[in-house]
Amino acid sequence: MMSKNLDQNTPADYKIIVKGMISGDWSAWFGDMQITHMENNNGVHETHLTGRVIDQADLQGILAKLQDLGLPIIAINLLEDQGINKIQTGNII
């Protein structure tokens, strides 16, 4: 279920998961998103970028940077209150 208040200009919190590793030093380049690393159940290294984006254009800019780095996107999750609303998953590049 999508947030009723979400539109093109609404700030929102997201978690973006990509295959591969991004150094935490790149946080500022990604709009000061928090960068963490995990290894999934299949032993694949993932980077999780979590934080607030100011609008949908900001989100698209972050996704474009990930594409420029050649990192496959695993998931984009809209974070709402205490739960996560998965809005798109899969490799979308």
N, C-alpha and C. Protein backbone atom coordinates (compact mmCIF):
# COMPACT_ATOMS: atom_id res chain seq x y z
N MET A 1 0.85 -1.17 0.00
CA MET A 1 0.00 0.00 0.00
C MET A 1 0.90 1.24 0.00
N MET A 2 0.65 2.17 -0.89
CA MET A 2 1.43 3.40 -1.01
C MET A 2 0.93 4.43 -0.01
N SER A 3 1.85 5.24 0.49
CA SER A 3 1.50 6.31 1.41
C SER A 3 0.52 7.26 0.75
N LYS A 4 -0.56 7.60 1.46
CA LYS A 4 -1.58 8.50 0.92
C LYS A 4 -1.04 9.90 0.68
N ASN A 5 -0.03 10.31 1.43
CA ASN A 5 0.49 11.67 1.34
C ASN A 5 1.68 11.81 0.41
N LEU A 6 2.12 10.75 -0.22
CA LEU A 6 3.30 10.81 -1.08
C LEU A 6 2.94 11.37 -2.44
N ASP A 7 3.71 12.38 -2.87
CA ASP A 7 3.59 12.89 -4.23
C ASP A 7 4.99 13.28 -4.72
N GLN A 8 5.09 13.92 -5.86
CA GLN A 8 6.38 14.25 -6.48
C GLN A 8 7.26 15.15 -5.61
N ASN A 9 6.64 15.95 -4.75
CA ASN A 9 7.38 16.96 -3.99
C ASN A 9 7.46 16.68 -2.49
N THR A 10 7.06 15.49 -2.08
CA THR A 10 7.04 15.14 -0.67
C THR A 10 8.35 14.51 -0.23
N PRO A 11 8.99 15.05 0.82
CA PRO A 11 10.16 14.35 1.37
C PRO A 11 9.73 13.00 1.93
N ALA A 12 10.59 12.01 1.81
CA ALA A 12 10.27 10.67 2.31
C ALA A 12 11.57 9.94 2.64
N ASP A 13 11.45 8.95 3.52
CA ASP A 13 12.60 8.13 3.91
C ASP A 13 12.59 6.85 3.09
N TYR A 14 13.77 6.50 2.57
CA TYR A 14 13.92 5.32 1.73
C TYR A 14 15.10 4.48 2.19
N LYS A 15 15.01 3.19 1.90
CA LYS A 15 16.17 2.29 1.96
C LYS A 15 16.34 1.73 0.56
N ILE A 16 17.52 1.95 0.00
CA ILE A 16 17.86 1.44 -1.33
C ILE A 16 18.94 0.39 -1.14
N ILE A 17 18.73 -0.79 -1.70
CA ILE A 17 19.68 -1.89 -1.56
C ILE A 17 20.27 -2.19 -2.93
N VAL A 18 21.60 -2.20 -2.98
CA VAL A 18 22.29 -2.51 -4.23
C VAL A 18 23.27 -3.66 -4.01
N LYS A 19 23.54 -4.37 -5.09
CA LYS A 19 24.55 -5.42 -5.06
C LYS A 19 25.91 -4.77 -5.18
N GLY A 20 26.81 -5.13 -4.28
CA GLY A 20 28.15 -4.57 -4.32
C GLY A 20 28.41 -3.69 -3.11
N MET A 21 29.57 -3.08 -3.10
CA MET A 21 30.00 -2.29 -1.94
C MET A 21 30.24 -0.84 -2.34
N ILE A 22 29.74 0.06 -1.50
CA ILE A 22 30.00 1.50 -1.63
C ILE A 22 30.62 1.93 -0.31
N SER A 23 31.72 2.63 -0.36
CA SER A 23 32.37 3.12 0.85
C SER A 23 31.49 4.13 1.57
N GLY A 24 31.51 4.11 2.89
CA GLY A 24 30.79 5.08 3.68
C GLY A 24 31.25 6.50 3.41
N ASP A 25 32.46 6.65 2.85
CA ASP A 25 32.97 7.97 2.50
C ASP A 25 32.14 8.65 1.42
N TRP A 26 31.32 7.89 0.72
CA TRP A 26 30.50 8.43 -0.37
C TRP A 26 29.15 8.96 0.12
N SER A 27 28.91 8.95 1.41
CA SER A 27 27.62 9.35 1.95
C SER A 27 27.18 10.73 1.47
N ALA A 28 28.07 11.70 1.48
CA ALA A 28 27.72 13.06 1.07
C ALA A 28 27.28 13.10 -0.40
N TRP A 29 27.93 12.30 -1.25
CA TRP A 29 27.57 12.25 -2.67
C TRP A 29 26.17 11.70 -2.88
N PHE A 30 25.71 10.89 -1.92
CA PHE A 30 24.37 10.31 -1.96
C PHE A 30 23.42 11.05 -1.03
N GLY A 31 23.60 12.36 -0.89
CA GLY A 31 22.68 13.17 -0.10
C GLY A 31 22.71 12.88 1.38
N ASP A 32 23.88 12.51 1.89
CA ASP A 32 24.08 12.19 3.31
C ASP A 32 23.27 10.98 3.77
N MET A 33 22.98 10.07 2.85
CA MET A 33 22.31 8.84 3.25
C MET A 33 23.28 7.99 4.07
N GLN A 34 22.73 7.25 5.02
CA GLN A 34 23.54 6.33 5.82
C GLN A 34 23.88 5.13 4.95
N ILE A 35 25.14 4.73 4.94
CA ILE A 35 25.59 3.60 4.13
C ILE A 35 26.03 2.48 5.05
N THR A 36 25.38 1.32 4.88
CA THR A 36 25.75 0.13 5.66
C THR A 36 25.94 -1.04 4.70
N HIS A 37 26.63 -2.07 5.18
CA HIS A 37 26.92 -3.24 4.35
C HIS A 37 26.38 -4.50 5.02
N MET A 38 25.94 -5.42 4.19
CA MET A 38 25.46 -6.71 4.67
C MET A 38 25.88 -7.79 3.68
N GLU A 39 25.87 -9.00 4.14
CA GLU A 39 26.03 -10.15 3.26
C GLU A 39 24.72 -10.90 3.32
N ASN A 40 24.07 -11.11 2.17
CA ASN A 40 22.77 -11.78 2.19
C ASN A 40 22.94 -13.29 2.39
N ASN A 41 21.83 -14.01 2.40
CA ASN A 41 21.85 -15.45 2.65
C ASN A 41 22.63 -16.24 1.61
N ASN A 42 22.81 -15.65 0.43
CA ASN A 42 23.55 -16.32 -0.64
C ASN A 42 25.01 -15.92 -0.67
N GLY A 43 25.46 -15.16 0.33
CA GLY A 43 26.85 -14.73 0.39
C GLY A 43 27.17 -13.55 -0.50
N VAL A 44 26.14 -12.87 -1.01
CA VAL A 44 26.34 -11.72 -1.88
C VAL A 44 26.44 -10.46 -1.01
N HIS A 45 27.45 -9.64 -1.28
CA HIS A 45 27.62 -8.38 -0.55
C HIS A 45 26.64 -7.34 -1.07
N GLU A 46 25.97 -6.67 -0.14
CA GLU A 46 25.01 -5.64 -0.47
C GLU A 46 25.37 -4.35 0.26
N THR A 47 25.01 -3.23 -0.34
CA THR A 47 25.09 -1.94 0.32
C THR A 47 23.67 -1.43 0.51
N HIS A 48 23.39 -0.95 1.72
CA HIS A 48 22.08 -0.37 2.04
C HIS A 48 22.28 1.13 2.23
N LEU A 49 21.55 1.93 1.45
CA LEU A 49 21.56 3.38 1.60
C LEU A 49 20.22 3.76 2.21
N THR A 50 20.25 4.38 3.38
CA THR A 50 19.03 4.70 4.10
C THR A 50 19.03 6.18 4.46
N GLY A 51 17.91 6.84 4.19
CA GLY A 51 17.81 8.24 4.56
C GLY A 51 16.68 8.95 3.86
N ARG A 52 16.62 10.24 4.12
CA ARG A 52 15.56 11.10 3.59
C ARG A 52 15.95 11.64 2.22
N VAL A 53 14.99 11.58 1.30
CA VAL A 53 15.15 12.27 0.02
C VAL A 53 14.13 13.39 -0.01
N ILE A 54 14.51 14.53 -0.60
CA ILE A 54 13.64 15.71 -0.50
C ILE A 54 12.44 15.66 -1.44
N ASP A 55 12.57 14.92 -2.53
CA ASP A 55 11.45 14.76 -3.47
C ASP A 55 11.80 13.63 -4.44
N GLN A 56 10.91 13.37 -5.38
CA GLN A 56 11.13 12.28 -6.33
C GLN A 56 12.30 12.56 -7.26
N ALA A 57 12.55 13.83 -7.59
CA ALA A 57 13.70 14.16 -8.43
C ALA A 57 15.01 13.82 -7.71
N ASP A 58 15.06 14.05 -6.41
CA ASP A 58 16.23 13.68 -5.61
C ASP A 58 16.43 12.17 -5.64
N LEU A 59 15.35 11.42 -5.49
CA LEU A 59 15.42 9.96 -5.55
C LEU A 59 15.96 9.50 -6.91
N GLN A 60 15.45 10.10 -7.98
CA GLN A 60 15.92 9.74 -9.32
C GLN A 60 17.40 10.06 -9.50
N GLY A 61 17.86 11.15 -8.89
CA GLY A 61 19.28 11.50 -8.96
C GLY A 61 20.15 10.47 -8.27
N ILE A 62 19.70 9.98 -7.12
CA ILE A 62 20.44 8.94 -6.40
C ILE A 62 20.49 7.67 -7.23
N LEU A 63 19.36 7.30 -7.82
CA LEU A 63 19.32 6.10 -8.65
C LEU A 63 20.23 6.24 -9.87
N ALA A 64 20.29 7.43 -10.45
CA ALA A 64 21.18 7.66 -11.60
C ALA A 64 22.64 7.50 -11.20
N LYS A 65 23.00 7.96 -10.01
CA LYS A 65 24.38 7.80 -9.54
C LYS A 65 24.73 6.32 -9.36
N LEU A 66 23.77 5.56 -8.83
CA LEU A 66 24.01 4.12 -8.68
C LEU A 66 24.18 3.45 -10.04
N GLN A 67 23.39 3.88 -11.02
CA GLN A 67 23.52 3.34 -12.37
C GLN A 67 24.89 3.71 -12.95
N ASP A 68 25.32 4.95 -12.73
CA ASP A 68 26.63 5.38 -13.23
C ASP A 68 27.76 4.54 -12.65
N LEU A 69 27.58 4.06 -11.40
CA LEU A 69 28.58 3.22 -10.77
C LEU A 69 28.47 1.75 -11.20
N GLY A 70 27.43 1.42 -11.96
CA GLY A 70 27.25 0.05 -12.44
C GLY A 70 26.79 -0.92 -11.37
N LEU A 71 26.11 -0.40 -10.33
CA LEU A 71 25.65 -1.26 -9.23
C LEU A 71 24.20 -1.67 -9.45
N PRO A 72 23.92 -2.97 -9.56
CA PRO A 72 22.55 -3.42 -9.74
C PRO A 72 21.69 -3.11 -8.51
N ILE A 73 20.52 -2.54 -8.74
CA ILE A 73 19.59 -2.23 -7.66
C ILE A 73 18.80 -3.49 -7.34
N ILE A 74 18.82 -3.86 -6.06
CA ILE A 74 18.08 -5.04 -5.59
C ILE A 74 16.69 -4.63 -5.13
N ALA A 75 16.59 -3.51 -4.39
CA ALA A 75 15.29 -3.09 -3.86
C ALA A 75 15.30 -1.60 -3.54
N ILE A 76 14.12 -1.01 -3.63
CA ILE A 76 13.88 0.36 -3.18
C ILE A 76 12.70 0.28 -2.24
N ASN A 77 12.91 0.63 -0.98
CA ASN A 77 11.85 0.53 0.02
C ASN A 77 11.51 1.90 0.57
N LEU A 78 10.22 2.23 0.55
CA LEU A 78 9.72 3.44 1.19
C LEU A 78 9.51 3.10 2.66
N LEU A 79 10.16 3.84 3.54
CA LEU A 79 10.06 3.58 4.97
C LEU A 79 8.96 4.46 5.56
N GLU A 80 8.01 3.82 6.20
CA GLU A 80 6.90 4.57 6.80
C GLU A 80 6.76 4.17 8.26
N ASP A 81 6.81 5.14 9.13
CA ASP A 81 6.63 4.92 10.56
C ASP A 81 7.44 3.73 11.02
N GLN A 82 6.76 2.68 11.49
CA GLN A 82 7.44 1.52 12.04
C GLN A 82 7.61 0.40 11.01
N GLY A 83 6.97 0.53 9.86
CA GLY A 83 7.03 -0.55 8.88
C GLY A 83 7.71 -0.11 7.61
N ILE A 84 7.92 -1.06 6.75
CA ILE A 84 8.52 -0.79 5.44
C ILE A 84 7.47 -1.13 4.40
N ASN A 85 7.29 -0.23 3.46
CA ASN A 85 6.39 -0.45 2.35
C ASN A 85 7.24 -0.68 1.12
N LYS A 86 7.34 -1.90 0.65
CA LYS A 86 8.19 -2.19 -0.50
C LYS A 86 7.48 -1.68 -1.75
N ILE A 87 8.12 -0.72 -2.44
CA ILE A 87 7.46 -0.14 -3.60
C ILE A 87 8.01 -0.67 -4.91
N GLN A 88 9.22 -1.20 -4.91
CA GLN A 88 9.75 -1.79 -6.12
C GLN A 88 10.93 -2.66 -5.76
N THR A 89 10.98 -3.82 -6.36
CA THR A 89 12.13 -4.68 -6.14
C THR A 89 12.64 -5.19 -7.46
N GLY A 90 13.84 -5.69 -7.42
CA GLY A 90 14.41 -6.27 -8.62
C GLY A 90 15.44 -5.35 -9.24
N ASN A 91 16.11 -5.88 -10.21
CA ASN A 91 17.13 -5.15 -10.92
C ASN A 91 16.45 -4.26 -11.94
N ILE A 92 16.42 -2.95 -11.70
CA ILE A 92 15.66 -2.06 -12.58
C ILE A 92 16.55 -1.26 -13.51
N ILE A 93 17.85 -1.56 -13.54
CA ILE A 93 18.71 -0.83 -14.47
C ILE A 93 18.86 -1.66 -15.73
